[in-house]
């Protein structure tokens, strides 16, 4: 699945996103996993931008999915 289709699918159902799907989306948009501290996964992008995604259960909270979608909107 290409990154635009994945992004559109996650935007359509932000409350039903698995962490693995969100991780794949961020990596497709050149975000790299920088560190993991407990349940907080910190993604870094060239230029110094950071995005922190807490992961406590199989599904990521919709608020963090929206933050990731906003962070990837710049590349569209």
PDB file of N, CA and C in Angstrom:
ATOM      1  N   UNK A   1       0.843  -1.176   0.000  1.00  0.00           N
ATOM      2  CA  UNK A   1       0.000   0.000   0.000  1.00  0.00           C
ATOM      3  C   UNK A   1       0.889   1.240   0.000  1.00  0.00           C
ATOM      4  N   UNK A   2       0.585   2.170  -0.893  1.00  0.00           N
ATOM      5  CA  UNK A   2       1.407   3.374  -0.931  1.00  0.00           C
ATOM      6  C   UNK A   2       1.024   4.317   0.206  1.00  0.00           C
ATOM      7  N   UNK A   3       1.843   5.321   0.416  1.00  0.00           N
ATOM      8  CA  UNK A   3       1.688   6.161   1.597  1.00  0.00           C
ATOM      9  C   UNK A   3       0.434   7.025   1.555  1.00  0.00           C
ATOM     10  N   UNK A   4      -0.007   7.458   0.391  1.00  0.00           N
ATOM     11  CA  UNK A   4      -1.221   8.280   0.311  1.00  0.00           C
ATOM     12  C   UNK A   4      -2.465   7.458   0.652  1.00  0.00           C
ATOM     13  N   UNK A   5      -2.508   6.220   0.179  1.00  0.00           N
ATOM     14  CA  UNK A   5      -3.646   5.357   0.489  1.00  0.00           C
ATOM     15  C   UNK A   5      -3.679   5.011   1.972  1.00  0.00           C
ATOM     16  N   UNK A   6      -2.507   4.715   2.541  1.00  0.00           N
ATOM     17  CA  UNK A   6      -2.441   4.402   3.964  1.00  0.00           C
ATOM     18  C   UNK A   6      -2.861   5.611   4.789  1.00  0.00           C
ATOM     19  N   UNK A   7      -2.392   6.775   4.411  1.00  0.00           N
ATOM     20  CA  UNK A   7      -2.743   8.004   5.133  1.00  0.00           C
ATOM     21  C   UNK A   7      -4.247   8.259   5.056  1.00  0.00           C
ATOM     22  N   UNK A   8      -4.839   8.053   3.897  1.00  0.00           N
ATOM     23  CA  UNK A   8      -6.279   8.261   3.730  1.00  0.00           C
ATOM     24  C   UNK A   8      -7.075   7.261   4.571  1.00  0.00           C
ATOM     25  N   UNK A   9      -6.612   6.016   4.633  1.00  0.00           N
ATOM     26  CA  UNK A   9      -7.312   4.999   5.416  1.00  0.00           C
ATOM     27  C   UNK A   9      -7.246   5.311   6.908  1.00  0.00           C
ATOM     28  N   UNK A  10      -6.091   5.762   7.379  1.00  0.00           N
ATOM     29  CA  UNK A  10      -5.960   6.107   8.792  1.00  0.00           C
ATOM     30  C   UNK A  10      -6.782   7.357   9.129  1.00  0.00           C
ATOM     31  N   UNK A  11      -6.851   8.298   8.203  1.00  0.00           N
ATOM     32  CA  UNK A  11      -7.635   9.517   8.434  1.00  0.00           C
ATOM     33  C   UNK A  11      -9.130   9.209   8.493  1.00  0.00           C
ATOM     34  N   UNK A  12      -9.562   8.208   7.756  1.00  0.00           N
ATOM     35  CA  UNK A  12     -10.981   7.851   7.742  1.00  0.00           C
ATOM     36  C   UNK A  12     -11.431   7.221   9.060  1.00  0.00           C
ATOM     37  N   UNK A  13     -10.533   6.495   9.726  1.00  0.00           N
ATOM     38  CA  UNK A  13     -10.881   5.809  10.979  1.00  0.00           C
ATOM     39  C   UNK A  13      -9.764   5.982  12.010  1.00  0.00           C
ATOM     40  N   UNK A  14      -9.574   7.182  12.543  1.00  0.00           N
ATOM     41  CA  UNK A  14      -8.445   7.407  13.460  1.00  0.00           C
ATOM     42  C   UNK A  14      -8.566   6.673  14.798  1.00  0.00           C
ATOM     43  N   UNK A  15      -9.759   6.246  15.185  1.00  0.00           N
ATOM     44  CA  UNK A  15      -9.916   5.543  16.464  1.00  0.00           C
ATOM     45  C   UNK A  15      -9.642   4.046  16.338  1.00  0.00           C
ATOM     46  N   UNK A  16      -9.409   3.577  15.122  1.00  0.00           N
ATOM     47  CA  UNK A  16      -9.204   2.149  14.898  1.00  0.00           C
ATOM     48  C   UNK A  16      -7.873   1.899  14.188  1.00  0.00           C
ATOM     49  N   UNK A  17      -6.793   2.450  14.748  1.00  0.00           N
ATOM     50  CA  UNK A  17      -5.462   2.333  14.131  1.00  0.00           C
ATOM     51  C   UNK A  17      -4.544   1.557  15.058  1.00  0.00           C
ATOM     52  N   UNK A  18      -3.936   0.529  14.529  1.00  0.00           N
ATOM     53  CA  UNK A  18      -2.957  -0.240  15.292  1.00  0.00           C
ATOM     54  C   UNK A  18      -1.614   0.507  15.254  1.00  0.00           C
ATOM     55  N   UNK A  19      -0.811   0.295  16.277  1.00  0.00           N
ATOM     56  CA  UNK A  19       0.473   0.982  16.365  1.00  0.00           C
ATOM     57  C   UNK A  19       1.353   0.654  15.152  1.00  0.00           C
ATOM     58  N   UNK A  20       1.312  -0.586  14.698  1.00  0.00           N
ATOM     59  CA  UNK A  20       2.134  -0.994  13.567  1.00  0.00           C
ATOM     60  C   UNK A  20       1.780  -0.199  12.308  1.00  0.00           C
ATOM     61  N   UNK A  21       0.501   0.106  12.116  1.00  0.00           N
ATOM     62  CA  UNK A  21       0.080   0.891  10.957  1.00  0.00           C
ATOM     63  C   UNK A  21       0.596   2.323  11.046  1.00  0.00           C
ATOM     64  N   UNK A  22       0.509   2.898  12.231  1.00  0.00           N
ATOM     65  CA  UNK A  22       0.990   4.262  12.424  1.00  0.00           C
ATOM     66  C   UNK A  22       2.508   4.332  12.264  1.00  0.00           C
ATOM     67  N   UNK A  23       3.201   3.337  12.769  1.00  0.00           N
ATOM     68  CA  UNK A  23       4.651   3.264  12.612  1.00  0.00           C
ATOM     69  C   UNK A  23       5.022   3.192  11.138  1.00  0.00           C
ATOM     70  N   UNK A  24       4.304   2.385  10.385  1.00  0.00           N
ATOM     71  CA  UNK A  24       4.581   2.258   8.947  1.00  0.00           C
ATOM     72  C   UNK A  24       4.355   3.585   8.235  1.00  0.00           C
ATOM     73  N   UNK A  25       3.263   4.287   8.577  1.00  0.00           N
ATOM     74  CA  UNK A  25       2.981   5.580   7.958  1.00  0.00           C
ATOM     75  C   UNK A  25       4.117   6.563   8.214  1.00  0.00           C
ATOM     76  N   UNK A  26       4.546   6.659   9.457  1.00  0.00           N
ATOM     77  CA  UNK A  26       5.612   7.608   9.792  1.00  0.00           C
ATOM     78  C   UNK A  26       6.905   7.265   9.068  1.00  0.00           C
ATOM     79  N   UNK A  27       7.228   5.992   8.981  1.00  0.00           N
ATOM     80  CA  UNK A  27       8.454   5.594   8.275  1.00  0.00           C
ATOM     81  C   UNK A  27       8.367   5.879   6.776  1.00  0.00           C
ATOM     82  N   UNK A  28       7.182   5.738   6.193  1.00  0.00           N
ATOM     83  CA  UNK A  28       7.003   6.060   4.775  1.00  0.00           C
ATOM     84  C   UNK A  28       7.204   7.547   4.494  1.00  0.00           C
ATOM     85  N   UNK A  29       6.979   8.382   5.512  1.00  0.00           N
ATOM     86  CA  UNK A  29       7.180   9.823   5.379  1.00  0.00           C
ATOM     87  C   UNK A  29       8.523  10.263   5.967  1.00  0.00           C
ATOM     88  N   UNK A  30       9.459   9.352   6.052  1.00  0.00           N
ATOM     89  CA  UNK A  30      10.847   9.628   6.460  1.00  0.00           C
ATOM     90  C   UNK A  30      11.027   9.990   7.923  1.00  0.00           C
ATOM     91  N   UNK A  31      10.118   9.588   8.789  1.00  0.00           N
ATOM     92  CA  UNK A  31      10.314   9.729  10.227  1.00  0.00           C
ATOM     93  C   UNK A  31      11.056   8.489  10.703  1.00  0.00           C
ATOM     94  N   UNK A  32      11.988   8.658  11.606  1.00  0.00           N
ATOM     95  CA  UNK A  32      12.762   7.537  12.149  1.00  0.00           C
ATOM     96  C   UNK A  32      12.488   7.402  13.638  1.00  0.00           C
ATOM     97  N   UNK A  33      12.395   6.159  14.096  1.00  0.00           N
ATOM     98  CA  UNK A  33      12.233   5.916  15.524  1.00  0.00           C
ATOM     99  C   UNK A  33      13.556   6.241  16.198  1.00  0.00           C
ATOM    100  N   UNK A  34      13.535   7.245  17.072  1.00  0.00           N
ATOM    101  CA  UNK A  34      14.753   7.710  17.719  1.00  0.00           C
ATOM    102  C   UNK A  34      14.984   6.974  19.034  1.00  0.00           C
ATOM    103  N   UNK A  35      14.013   7.009  19.926  1.00  0.00           N
ATOM    104  CA  UNK A  35      14.152   6.325  21.211  1.00  0.00           C
ATOM    105  C   UNK A  35      12.803   5.788  21.670  1.00  0.00           C
ATOM    106  N   UNK A  36      12.868   4.846  22.601  1.00  0.00           N
ATOM    107  CA  UNK A  36      11.680   4.342  23.280  1.00  0.00           C
ATOM    108  C   UNK A  36      11.958   4.446  24.766  1.00  0.00           C
ATOM    109  N   UNK A  37      11.100   5.154  25.462  1.00  0.00           N
ATOM    110  CA  UNK A  37      11.219   5.286  26.918  1.00  0.00           C
ATOM    111  C   UNK A  37       9.905   4.826  27.515  1.00  0.00           C
ATOM    112  N   UNK A  38       9.912   3.632  28.049  1.00  0.00           N
ATOM    113  CA  UNK A  38       8.672   3.067  28.565  1.00  0.00           C
ATOM    114  C   UNK A  38       7.721   2.823  27.420  1.00  0.00           C
ATOM    115  N   UNK A  39       6.580   3.488  27.458  1.00  0.00           N
ATOM    116  CA  UNK A  39       5.591   3.316  26.392  1.00  0.00           C
ATOM    117  C   UNK A  39       5.648   4.435  25.352  1.00  0.00           C
ATOM    118  N   UNK A  40       6.550   5.393  25.527  1.00  0.00           N
ATOM    119  CA  UNK A  40       6.625   6.538  24.622  1.00  0.00           C
ATOM    120  C   UNK A  40       7.649   6.284  23.522  1.00  0.00           C
ATOM    121  N   UNK A  41       7.155   6.267  22.300  1.00  0.00           N
ATOM    122  CA  UNK A  41       8.013   6.099  21.129  1.00  0.00           C
ATOM    123  C   UNK A  41       8.266   7.485  20.551  1.00  0.00           C
ATOM    124  N   UNK A  42       9.528   7.855  20.447  1.00  0.00           N
ATOM    125  CA  UNK A  42       9.903   9.181  19.964  1.00  0.00           C
ATOM    126  C   UNK A  42      10.436   9.044  18.543  1.00  0.00           C
ATOM    127  N   UNK A  43       9.740   9.698  17.618  1.00  0.00           N
ATOM    128  CA  UNK A  43      10.143   9.706  16.213  1.00  0.00           C
ATOM    129  C   UNK A  43      10.816  11.030  15.914  1.00  0.00           C
ATOM    130  N   UNK A  44      11.828  10.964  15.053  1.00  0.00           N
ATOM    131  CA  UNK A  44      12.611  12.141  14.712  1.00  0.00           C
ATOM    132  C   UNK A  44      12.634  12.277  13.194  1.00  0.00           C
ATOM    133  N   UNK A  45      12.680  13.517  12.771  1.00  0.00           N
ATOM    134  CA  UNK A  45      12.741  13.793  11.342  1.00  0.00           C
ATOM    135  C   UNK A  45      13.943  14.675  11.074  1.00  0.00           C
ATOM    136  N   UNK A  46      14.595  14.511   9.937  1.00  0.00           N
ATOM    137  CA  UNK A  46      15.692  15.416   9.608  1.00  0.00           C
ATOM    138  C   UNK A  46      15.217  16.865   9.713  1.00  0.00           C
ATOM    139  N   UNK A  47      15.985  17.674  10.376  1.00  0.00           N
ATOM    140  CA  UNK A  47      15.608  19.048  10.638  1.00  0.00           C
ATOM    141  C   UNK A  47      15.245  19.264  12.099  1.00  0.00           C
ATOM    142  N   UNK A  48      15.270  18.175  12.871  1.00  0.00           N
ATOM    143  CA  UNK A  48      15.072  18.300  14.304  1.00  0.00           C
ATOM    144  C   UNK A  48      13.653  18.172  14.818  1.00  0.00           C
ATOM    145  N   UNK A  49      12.673  17.909  13.961  1.00  0.00           N
ATOM    146  CA  UNK A  49      11.294  17.770  14.432  1.00  0.00           C
ATOM    147  C   UNK A  49      11.129  16.466  15.202  1.00  0.00           C
ATOM    148  N   UNK A  50      10.367  16.504  16.275  1.00  0.00           N
ATOM    149  CA  UNK A  50      10.094  15.326  17.092  1.00  0.00           C
ATOM    150  C   UNK A  50       8.594  15.089  17.173  1.00  0.00           C
ATOM    151  N   UNK A  51       8.229  13.812  17.299  1.00  0.00           N
ATOM    152  CA  UNK A  51       6.845  13.412  17.483  1.00  0.00           C
ATOM    153  C   UNK A  51       6.839  12.266  18.481  1.00  0.00           C
ATOM    154  N   UNK A  52       6.088  12.419  19.557  1.00  0.00           N
ATOM    155  CA  UNK A  52       6.031  11.397  20.601  1.00  0.00           C
ATOM    156  C   UNK A  52       4.676  10.700  20.533  1.00  0.00           C
ATOM    157  N   UNK A  53       4.708   9.370  20.419  1.00  0.00           N
ATOM    158  CA  UNK A  53       3.495   8.569  20.352  1.00  0.00           C
ATOM    159  C   UNK A  53       3.495   7.587  21.529  1.00  0.00           C
ATOM    160  N   UNK A  54       2.625   7.795  22.519  1.00  0.00           N
ATOM    161  CA  UNK A  54       2.510   6.813  23.597  1.00  0.00           C
ATOM    162  C   UNK A  54       1.719   5.612  23.099  1.00  0.00           C
ATOM    163  N   UNK A  55       2.139   4.435  23.504  1.00  0.00           N
ATOM    164  CA  UNK A  55       1.489   3.209  23.050  1.00  0.00           C
ATOM    165  C   UNK A  55       1.236   2.316  24.251  1.00  0.00           C
ATOM    166  N   UNK A  56      -0.030   2.183  24.633  1.00  0.00           N
ATOM    167  CA  UNK A  56      -0.390   1.404  25.815  1.00  0.00           C
ATOM    168  C   UNK A  56      -1.260   0.199  25.505  1.00  0.00           C
ATOM    169  N   UNK A  57      -1.776   0.087  24.339  1.00  0.00           N
ATOM    170  CA  UNK A  57      -2.706  -0.992  24.006  1.00  0.00           C
ATOM    171  C   UNK A  57      -2.635  -1.280  22.519  1.00  0.00           C
ATOM    172  N   UNK A  58      -3.399  -2.228  22.041  1.00  0.00           N
ATOM    173  CA  UNK A  58      -3.310  -2.552  20.606  1.00  0.00           C
ATOM    174  C   UNK A  58      -3.643  -1.381  19.684  1.00  0.00           C
ATOM    175  N   UNK A  59      -4.528  -0.506  20.118  1.00  0.00           N
ATOM    176  CA  UNK A  59      -4.915   0.644  19.297  1.00  0.00           C
ATOM    177  C   UNK A  59      -4.293   1.922  19.850  1.00  0.00           C
ATOM    178  N   UNK A  60      -3.896   2.790  18.966  1.00  0.00           N
ATOM    179  CA  UNK A  60      -3.348   4.091  19.341  1.00  0.00           C
ATOM    180  C   UNK A  60      -4.529   5.042  19.508  1.00  0.00           C
ATOM    181  N   UNK A  61      -4.482   5.893  20.503  1.00  0.00           N
ATOM    182  CA  UNK A  61      -5.556   6.869  20.704  1.00  0.00           C
ATOM    183  C   UNK A  61      -5.657   7.791  19.489  1.00  0.00           C
ATOM    184  N   UNK A  62      -6.886   8.157  19.148  1.00  0.00           N
ATOM    185  CA  UNK A  62      -7.148   8.953  17.945  1.00  0.00           C
ATOM    186  C   UNK A  62      -6.403  10.290  17.954  1.00  0.00           C
ATOM    187  N   UNK A  63      -6.202  10.886  19.117  1.00  0.00           N
ATOM    188  CA  UNK A  63      -5.509  12.172  19.183  1.00  0.00           C
ATOM    189  C   UNK A  63      -4.082  12.058  18.641  1.00  0.00           C
ATOM    190  N   UNK A  64      -3.412  10.944  18.890  1.00  0.00           N
ATOM    191  CA  UNK A  64      -2.046  10.761  18.402  1.00  0.00           C
ATOM    192  C   UNK A  64      -2.024  10.397  16.924  1.00  0.00           C
ATOM    193  N   UNK A  65      -3.058   9.731  16.457  1.00  0.00           N
ATOM    194  CA  UNK A  65      -3.165   9.457  15.022  1.00  0.00           C
ATOM    195  C   UNK A  65      -3.321  10.779  14.281  1.00  0.00           C
ATOM    196  N   UNK A  66      -4.150  11.671  14.818  1.00  0.00           N
ATOM    197  CA  UNK A  66      -4.325  12.981  14.173  1.00  0.00           C
ATOM    198  C   UNK A  66      -3.034  13.799  14.192  1.00  0.00           C
ATOM    199  N   UNK A  67      -2.278  13.703  15.277  1.00  0.00           N
ATOM    200  CA  UNK A  67      -0.988  14.415  15.326  1.00  0.00           C
ATOM    201  C   UNK A  67      -0.039  13.878  14.252  1.00  0.00           C
ATOM    202  N   UNK A  68      -0.015  12.568  14.075  1.00  0.00           N
ATOM    203  CA  UNK A  68       0.839  11.972  13.048  1.00  0.00           C
ATOM    204  C   UNK A  68       0.368  12.368  11.655  1.00  0.00           C
ATOM    205  N   UNK A  69      -0.935  12.420  11.457  1.00  0.00           N
ATOM    206  CA  UNK A  69      -1.467  12.851  10.155  1.00  0.00           C
ATOM    207  C   UNK A  69      -1.109  14.308   9.890  1.00  0.00           C
ATOM    208  N   UNK A  70      -1.166  15.146  10.898  1.00  0.00           N
ATOM    209  CA  UNK A  70      -0.759  16.547  10.738  1.00  0.00           C
ATOM    210  C   UNK A  70       0.723  16.655  10.414  1.00  0.00           C
ATOM    211  N   UNK A  71       1.528  15.815  11.056  1.00  0.00           N
ATOM    212  CA  UNK A  71       2.979  15.844  10.831  1.00  0.00           C
ATOM    213  C   UNK A  71       3.345  15.370   9.431  1.00  0.00           C
ATOM    214  N   UNK A  72       2.516  14.518   8.836  1.00  0.00           N
ATOM    215  CA  UNK A  72       2.811  14.017   7.497  1.00  0.00           C
ATOM    216  C   UNK A  72       2.133  14.847   6.420  1.00  0.00           C
ATOM    217  N   UNK A  73       1.273  15.773   6.809  1.00  0.00           N
ATOM    218  CA  UNK A  73       0.563  16.601   5.830  1.00  0.00           C
ATOM    219  C   UNK A  73       1.518  17.511   5.060  1.00  0.00           C
ATOM    220  N   UNK A  74       2.607  17.908   5.677  1.00  0.00           N
ATOM    221  CA  UNK A  74       3.564  18.818   5.055  1.00  0.00           C
ATOM    222  C   UNK A  74       4.138  18.263   3.754  1.00  0.00           C
ATOM    223  N   UNK A  75       4.195  16.938   3.631  1.00  0.00           N
ATOM    224  CA  UNK A  75       4.815  16.318   2.471  1.00  0.00           C
ATOM    225  C   UNK A  75       3.854  16.073   1.320  1.00  0.00           C
ATOM    226  N   UNK A  76       2.600  16.384   1.506  1.00  0.00           N
ATOM    227  CA  UNK A  76       1.607  16.123   0.449  1.00  0.00           C
ATOM    228  C   UNK A  76       1.675  17.150  -0.639  1.00  0.00           C
TER     229      UNK A  76
END
